[in-house]
């Protein structure tokens, strides 16, 4: 059981990293320190779907991590 949960965490972490990298806006490194925030743009289409999938996979990762921590000893 513990190996299955660890494997699930590894797979979810890779998926989360890929989804986060796909969400890049191309604003460059300057936006990391507050630059590039002169305009607001809503997420539409595939951007909205990738954001929602990222949130879902992060919540799943957190739940599986807690199950792995508390229930499996």
Protein backbone atom coordinates (compact mmCIF):
# COMPACT_ATOMS: atom_id res chain seq x y z
CA UNK A 1 0.00 0.00 0.00
CA UNK A 2 2.80 2.40 0.92
CA UNK A 3 4.56 1.78 -2.41
CA UNK A 4 1.38 2.54 -4.33
CA UNK A 5 0.92 5.83 -2.48
CA UNK A 6 4.55 6.79 -3.03
CA UNK A 7 4.27 6.00 -6.73
CA UNK A 8 1.07 8.05 -6.94
CA UNK A 9 2.87 10.99 -5.28
CA UNK A 10 5.74 10.76 -7.75
CA UNK A 11 3.41 10.66 -10.75
CA UNK A 12 1.31 13.54 -9.41
CA UNK A 13 4.40 15.64 -8.71
CA UNK A 14 5.64 15.20 -12.28
CA UNK A 15 2.21 16.13 -13.65
CA UNK A 16 2.07 19.21 -11.40
CA UNK A 17 5.52 20.38 -12.55
CA UNK A 18 4.54 19.97 -16.21
CA UNK A 19 1.26 21.83 -15.71
CA UNK A 20 3.02 24.69 -13.93
CA UNK A 21 5.61 24.97 -16.68
CA UNK A 22 2.89 24.99 -19.34
CA UNK A 23 1.22 27.95 -17.63
CA UNK A 24 4.15 30.28 -18.32
CA UNK A 25 2.99 33.60 -19.76
CA UNK A 26 6.28 34.52 -21.39
CA UNK A 27 6.59 37.65 -19.25
CA UNK A 28 10.24 36.96 -18.54
CA UNK A 29 12.19 36.99 -15.33
CA UNK A 30 11.31 40.62 -14.57
CA UNK A 31 7.81 39.63 -13.49
CA UNK A 32 9.27 37.58 -10.64
CA UNK A 33 9.99 40.79 -8.68
CA UNK A 34 6.79 42.61 -9.37
CA UNK A 35 7.33 43.91 -12.89
CA UNK A 36 4.96 43.27 -15.74
CA UNK A 37 1.80 43.76 -13.70
CA UNK A 38 0.52 46.73 -15.63
CA UNK A 39 -2.46 44.87 -17.06
CA UNK A 40 -4.95 42.25 -15.98
CA UNK A 41 -6.01 39.45 -18.28
CA UNK A 42 -8.54 36.77 -17.43
CA UNK A 43 -7.76 33.17 -18.17
CA UNK A 44 -9.76 31.65 -20.97
CA UNK A 45 -9.88 28.35 -22.77
CA UNK A 46 -6.89 26.08 -22.28
CA UNK A 47 -5.29 28.44 -19.72
CA UNK A 48 -8.32 28.11 -17.47
CA UNK A 49 -8.36 24.31 -17.87
CA UNK A 50 -4.66 23.97 -17.04
CA UNK A 51 -5.09 26.17 -13.97
CA UNK A 52 -8.02 24.09 -12.74
CA UNK A 53 -6.16 20.83 -13.41
CA UNK A 54 -3.15 22.16 -11.53
CA UNK A 55 -5.26 22.98 -8.49
CA UNK A 56 -6.97 19.57 -8.60
CA UNK A 57 -3.67 17.69 -8.85
CA UNK A 58 -2.14 19.74 -6.02
CA UNK A 59 -5.11 18.94 -3.76
CA UNK A 60 -4.83 15.23 -4.69
CA UNK A 61 -1.09 15.32 -3.97
CA UNK A 62 -1.75 16.89 -0.57
CA UNK A 63 -4.45 14.34 0.33
CA UNK A 64 -2.33 11.37 -0.74
CA UNK A 65 0.61 12.78 1.22
CA UNK A 66 -1.51 13.08 4.36
CA UNK A 67 -2.86 9.54 3.90
CA UNK A 68 0.68 8.31 3.43
CA UNK A 69 1.82 10.15 6.54
CA UNK A 70 -0.96 9.25 8.97
CA UNK A 71 -2.60 6.01 7.88
CA UNK A 72 0.27 3.94 6.55
CA UNK A 73 2.93 3.07 9.11
